[in-house]
Protein backbone atom coordinates (compact mmCIF):
# COMPACT_ATOMS: atom_id res chain seq x y z
CA MET A 1 91.59 90.31 45.43
CA GLY A 2 93.59 93.27 44.18
CA LYS A 3 96.06 93.03 47.05
CA GLY A 4 96.70 89.35 46.43
CA SER A 5 97.31 90.01 42.75
CA ASP A 6 99.89 92.74 43.57
CA GLU A 7 101.72 90.41 45.95
CA GLN A 8 101.88 87.69 43.27
CA GLU A 9 103.30 90.15 40.74
CA GLN A 10 105.94 91.35 43.21
CA SER A 11 106.83 87.77 44.07
CA GLY A 12 107.14 86.88 40.38
CA PHE A 13 109.38 89.88 39.66
CA ALA A 14 111.59 89.11 42.68
CA GLY A 15 111.94 85.52 41.49
CA LYS A 16 113.01 86.59 38.01
CA LEU A 17 115.50 89.08 39.46
CA ALA A 18 116.94 86.37 41.67
CA GLN A 19 117.29 84.05 38.70
CA PHE A 20 119.07 86.79 36.72
CA ARG A 21 121.49 87.40 39.59
CA LEU A 22 122.12 83.67 39.79
CA PHE A 23 122.82 83.65 36.04
CA LEU A 24 125.36 86.45 36.41
CA TRP A 25 127.12 84.78 39.34
CA ASN A 26 126.46 81.30 40.72
CA LYS A 27 128.34 80.82 43.98
CA GLU A 28 127.80 77.08 44.09
CA THR A 29 129.12 76.29 40.57
CA LYS A 30 131.40 79.34 40.29
CA GLU A 31 129.83 80.22 36.95
CA VAL A 32 129.71 83.70 35.38
CA ALA A 33 126.90 84.25 32.86
CA GLY A 34 126.32 80.53 32.71
CA ARG A 35 129.96 79.56 32.11
CA THR A 36 132.87 78.60 34.30
CA ALA A 37 136.16 80.48 34.10
CA ARG A 38 137.66 77.57 32.14
CA SER A 39 134.78 77.68 29.67
CA TRP A 40 135.21 81.44 29.14
CA ILE A 41 138.93 81.02 28.56
CA GLU A 42 138.34 78.23 26.03
CA ILE A 43 135.71 80.15 24.03
CA THR A 44 137.87 83.30 24.08
CA ILE A 45 140.85 81.38 22.72
CA PHE A 46 138.60 79.81 20.07
CA PHE A 47 137.42 83.16 18.73
CA ILE A 48 140.94 84.62 18.84
CA VAL A 49 142.19 81.71 16.74
CA LEU A 50 139.18 81.91 14.38
CA TYR A 51 139.50 85.64 13.65
CA ALA A 52 143.28 85.43 13.42
CA ALA A 53 142.90 82.69 10.79
CA LEU A 54 140.35 84.77 8.84
CA ALA A 55 142.61 87.82 8.99
CA ALA A 56 145.59 85.77 7.81
CA PHE A 57 143.50 84.37 4.94
CA TRP A 58 142.51 87.82 3.64
CA VAL A 59 145.99 89.25 4.13
CA GLY A 60 147.34 86.32 2.12
CA LEU A 61 144.85 86.97 -0.70
CA LEU A 62 145.72 90.68 -0.80
CA TYR A 63 149.40 89.80 -0.90
CA LEU A 64 148.87 87.46 -3.85
CA VAL A 65 146.90 90.14 -5.70
CA GLN A 66 149.64 92.68 -4.98
CA LEU A 67 152.23 90.36 -6.50
CA ARG A 68 150.31 90.43 -9.80
CA LEU A 69 150.15 94.22 -10.02
CA PRO A 70 152.68 95.96 -12.31
CA ASP A 71 155.15 98.50 -11.03
CA ILE A 72 153.73 102.01 -11.07
CA GLN A 73 156.23 102.95 -13.76
CA SER A 74 154.70 100.37 -16.06
CA GLY A 75 151.20 101.81 -15.95
CA PRO A 76 148.11 99.67 -16.47
CA LEU A 77 148.73 96.19 -17.84
CA TYR A 78 148.41 95.97 -21.61
CA THR A 79 146.43 92.82 -22.22
CA ASP A 80 144.08 91.48 -24.84
CA TYR A 81 141.29 92.04 -22.35
CA LEU A 82 141.93 95.78 -22.33
CA THR A 83 142.71 96.41 -25.97
CA HIS A 84 141.63 93.40 -27.97
CA ARG A 85 139.52 95.72 -30.15
CA GLY A 86 141.33 99.02 -29.74
CA PRO A 87 141.31 102.07 -27.46
CA GLY A 88 138.59 104.65 -27.07
CA VAL A 89 138.73 108.06 -28.73
CA HIS A 90 138.69 111.58 -27.29
CA LEU A 91 136.75 114.28 -29.14
CA ILE A 92 137.56 117.98 -28.77
CA PRO A 93 135.51 120.07 -28.21
CA LYS A 94 133.35 117.95 -25.97
CA PRO A 95 129.73 117.56 -27.08
CA GLU A 96 126.74 117.69 -24.78
CA VAL A 97 125.59 114.23 -23.69
CA VAL A 98 121.81 113.97 -23.81
CA GLY A 99 119.22 111.32 -22.95
CA ARG A 100 119.30 107.78 -21.63
CA ASP A 101 121.09 106.59 -24.76
CA LYS A 102 123.78 109.26 -24.17
CA GLN A 103 123.64 110.93 -27.55
CA LYS A 104 126.53 113.32 -28.19
CA ILE A 105 125.21 116.62 -29.56
CA PHE A 106 126.87 119.83 -30.69
CA LYS A 107 124.61 122.88 -30.63
CA MET A 108 126.28 125.40 -32.89
CA GLU A 109 124.53 128.26 -31.16
CA ASN A 110 127.19 127.61 -28.51
CA VAL A 111 130.04 127.90 -31.01
CA ASP A 112 131.86 130.56 -28.96
CA SER A 113 132.17 128.21 -25.96
CA TYR A 114 133.45 125.48 -28.30
CA PHE A 115 136.04 127.91 -29.65
CA GLU A 116 137.24 128.66 -26.12
CA GLU A 117 137.62 124.95 -25.35
CA VAL A 118 139.51 124.30 -28.58
CA GLU A 119 141.79 127.29 -27.98
CA ALA A 120 142.65 126.06 -24.47
CA PHE A 121 143.33 122.57 -25.81
CA LEU A 122 145.57 123.67 -28.70
CA SER A 123 147.45 126.18 -26.55
CA ASN A 124 148.59 123.31 -24.35
CA HIS A 125 149.29 120.80 -27.13
CA THR A 126 152.54 120.20 -28.99
CA GLN A 127 150.68 120.04 -32.30
CA GLY A 128 148.66 123.18 -31.72
CA ASN A 129 150.40 125.19 -34.45
CA ASN A 130 150.90 122.35 -36.96
CA LEU A 131 147.36 121.51 -38.02
CA GLY A 132 146.88 123.61 -41.15
CA ASP A 133 143.51 125.36 -41.25
CA CYS A 134 142.71 123.84 -37.84
CA SER A 135 145.80 125.29 -36.12
CA LEU A 136 145.55 127.56 -33.09
CA ASN A 137 145.59 130.78 -35.10
CA SER A 138 143.33 129.59 -37.92
CA PHE A 139 140.53 127.37 -36.67
CA ARG A 140 138.13 130.20 -35.78
CA ASN A 141 138.22 131.60 -39.31
CA GLN A 142 136.86 128.37 -40.77
CA TRP A 143 133.45 129.03 -39.28
CA ASN A 144 133.06 132.03 -41.61
CA SER A 145 132.50 129.49 -44.40
CA LYS A 146 130.49 127.10 -42.17
CA ALA A 147 133.43 124.76 -41.65
CA PHE A 148 134.27 123.48 -38.19
CA CYS A 149 137.36 121.69 -36.87
CA PHE A 150 137.03 118.59 -34.71
CA TYR A 151 140.09 117.13 -32.95
CA LEU A 152 140.49 113.45 -32.10
CA TYR A 153 143.09 111.39 -30.27
CA MET A 154 143.21 107.87 -28.89
CA ASN A 155 143.08 107.01 -25.19
CA ALA A 156 146.31 106.39 -23.34
CA VAL A 157 146.99 102.64 -23.16
CA HIS A 158 150.31 101.30 -21.95
CA GLU A 159 152.41 99.73 -24.76
CA PHE A 160 149.63 100.11 -27.35
CA VAL A 161 150.83 101.21 -30.79
CA PRO A 162 148.30 101.41 -33.65
CA LYS A 163 149.35 99.44 -36.71
CA PRO A 164 149.09 101.00 -40.19
CA LEU A 165 146.40 100.01 -42.62
CA ASP A 166 147.19 100.83 -46.26
CA GLY A 167 150.36 102.58 -45.18
CA SER A 168 149.13 104.82 -42.35
CA VAL A 169 147.05 105.14 -39.21
CA SER A 170 144.43 107.63 -40.29
CA LEU A 171 141.08 109.16 -39.42
CA LYS A 172 137.90 108.81 -41.47
CA CYS A 173 134.88 111.03 -40.85
CA GLY A 174 131.57 111.06 -42.67
CA SER A 175 127.82 110.92 -42.31
CA SER A 176 126.59 108.23 -39.93
CA LYS A 177 123.91 107.33 -42.48
CA LYS A 178 123.50 108.22 -46.14
CA TRP A 179 120.48 110.43 -45.41
CA TYR A 180 122.76 112.80 -43.47
CA ASP A 181 124.99 113.40 -46.52
CA GLN A 182 122.80 116.35 -47.48
CA PHE A 183 124.10 118.33 -44.51
CA LEU A 184 127.75 118.05 -45.56
CA GLU A 185 129.52 119.83 -48.35
CA GLY A 186 132.26 117.68 -49.83
CA GLU A 187 134.69 115.45 -47.96
CA PRO A 188 136.36 116.50 -44.67
CA THR A 189 139.95 117.70 -44.79
CA TYR A 190 142.40 116.16 -42.33
CA TYR A 191 145.43 117.67 -40.58
CA PRO A 192 148.04 116.30 -40.66
CA SER A 193 147.20 114.61 -43.96
CA GLY A 194 149.36 111.59 -43.05
CA GLY A 195 147.20 110.67 -40.09
CA PHE A 196 148.31 109.93 -36.53
CA ASP A 197 152.04 110.27 -35.85
CA GLN A 198 153.05 106.74 -34.86
CA SER A 199 156.38 107.91 -33.44
CA LYS A 200 154.43 109.45 -30.53
CA PHE A 201 153.16 106.06 -29.38
CA PRO A 202 153.03 104.33 -26.96
CA TRP A 203 151.93 106.18 -23.88
CA THR A 204 154.17 105.59 -20.85
CA TYR A 205 153.79 106.37 -17.17
CA GLY A 206 154.27 110.05 -16.37
CA MET A 207 153.53 111.28 -19.91
CA ASP A 208 151.02 114.12 -20.18
CA TRP A 209 148.89 112.48 -22.86
CA ASP A 210 146.45 115.39 -23.17
CA SER A 211 149.24 117.64 -24.41
CA SER A 212 151.38 115.14 -26.32
CA ALA A 213 149.00 112.54 -27.77
CA PRO A 214 149.04 112.36 -31.57
CA ILE A 215 145.94 114.17 -32.81
CA VAL A 216 144.21 114.49 -36.15
CA ALA A 217 141.94 117.43 -36.92
CA ALA A 218 139.00 116.99 -39.28
CA LYS A 219 137.70 120.14 -40.95
CA VAL A 220 134.06 119.47 -41.78
CA LYS A 221 132.09 121.89 -43.95
CA PHE A 222 128.33 122.00 -43.48
CA SER A 223 125.85 122.71 -46.25
CA SER A 224 123.14 125.36 -46.18
CA LYS A 225 120.59 122.62 -45.41
CA LEU A 226 121.83 122.44 -41.84
CA ASP A 227 119.43 125.11 -40.62
CA ASP A 228 117.54 125.63 -37.39
CA ASP A 229 115.21 122.70 -37.97
CA ALA A 230 117.80 120.17 -39.16
CA GLU A 231 120.23 117.85 -37.47
CA GLY A 232 123.37 116.38 -39.01
CA ARG A 233 125.07 113.27 -37.75
CA LEU A 234 128.75 112.41 -38.11
CA ASN A 235 130.89 109.39 -37.42
CA CYS A 236 134.66 109.57 -37.04
CA ARG A 237 136.74 106.41 -36.75
CA VAL A 238 140.37 105.44 -36.46
CA VAL A 239 141.65 103.44 -39.44
CA ALA A 240 144.28 100.95 -38.23
CA SER A 241 144.76 97.21 -38.59
CA ASN A 242 144.58 96.60 -34.83
CA VAL A 243 141.62 98.90 -34.13
CA HIS A 244 138.48 96.91 -34.79
CA ILE A 245 135.31 98.95 -35.22
CA ASP A 246 132.17 97.40 -33.79
CA LEU A 247 128.89 99.34 -33.99
CA GLU A 248 127.68 97.48 -30.91
CA LYS A 249 130.62 98.95 -28.99
CA PRO A 250 130.68 102.53 -30.31
CA ASN A 251 133.26 103.74 -27.79
CA ILE A 252 136.04 101.63 -29.32
CA GLY A 253 138.05 103.39 -32.02
CA MET A 254 135.23 105.68 -33.07
CA VAL A 255 132.88 108.44 -32.01
CA ASP A 256 129.39 109.23 -33.29
CA PHE A 257 127.84 112.66 -32.73
CA ARG A 258 125.10 114.98 -33.91
CA ILE A 259 125.20 118.60 -35.08
CA ARG A 260 122.37 121.07 -34.56
CA ALA A 261 122.42 124.59 -35.92
CA ALA A 262 120.44 125.79 -32.91
């Protein structure tokens, strides 16, 4: 019984092997892998034509997209889509970004590291020595009276020029909410007092915007209530007729940040 079963298994395997060999090469029909030479040539030509057409289609699409790109000298396209509400704003020194809601926080226990960042920034900027109390050689001294200098400039956007509102393009800083007024002493002082220098706009390709962008420094003096257990909150915004502030889009034309004494 066992011997007969082994013979049947061997016979079955031999039959399958013979069928596979016949599939690979059939002498009677002259077929290779189930197809004649003519059939293989036809299917090969079909796939060559198919993939060539697909390649030509995508190359054509890429070519059309390339035709719509500006020359490199022109920088990114200035369109309503990019700047319909205004550019973003850089804040120097850079605050720590904390939490899922990305709160910007200054911890004044780290004031020395902020001073180093500001010094490096002003040393490389054309306005570094023309910002009054917030100039390169003066900004550190302001902290002796609990005043700190913040520096703001607009993002580089090709052909964008801010338009004056009430005669100038200025900066306005203050408490984010009335409750935070208690942590400020008086109104901030701005340098230069005339706001952003419009003659420095727009940004163009090749311009080092970090060193030449028009900046405004805001000297903010904190009250004695900003102690170890308190947190102040400031909002600085660009004041221009074509920069539209929207609290639902806080990165456009404004920056909101918190101050902690420790």
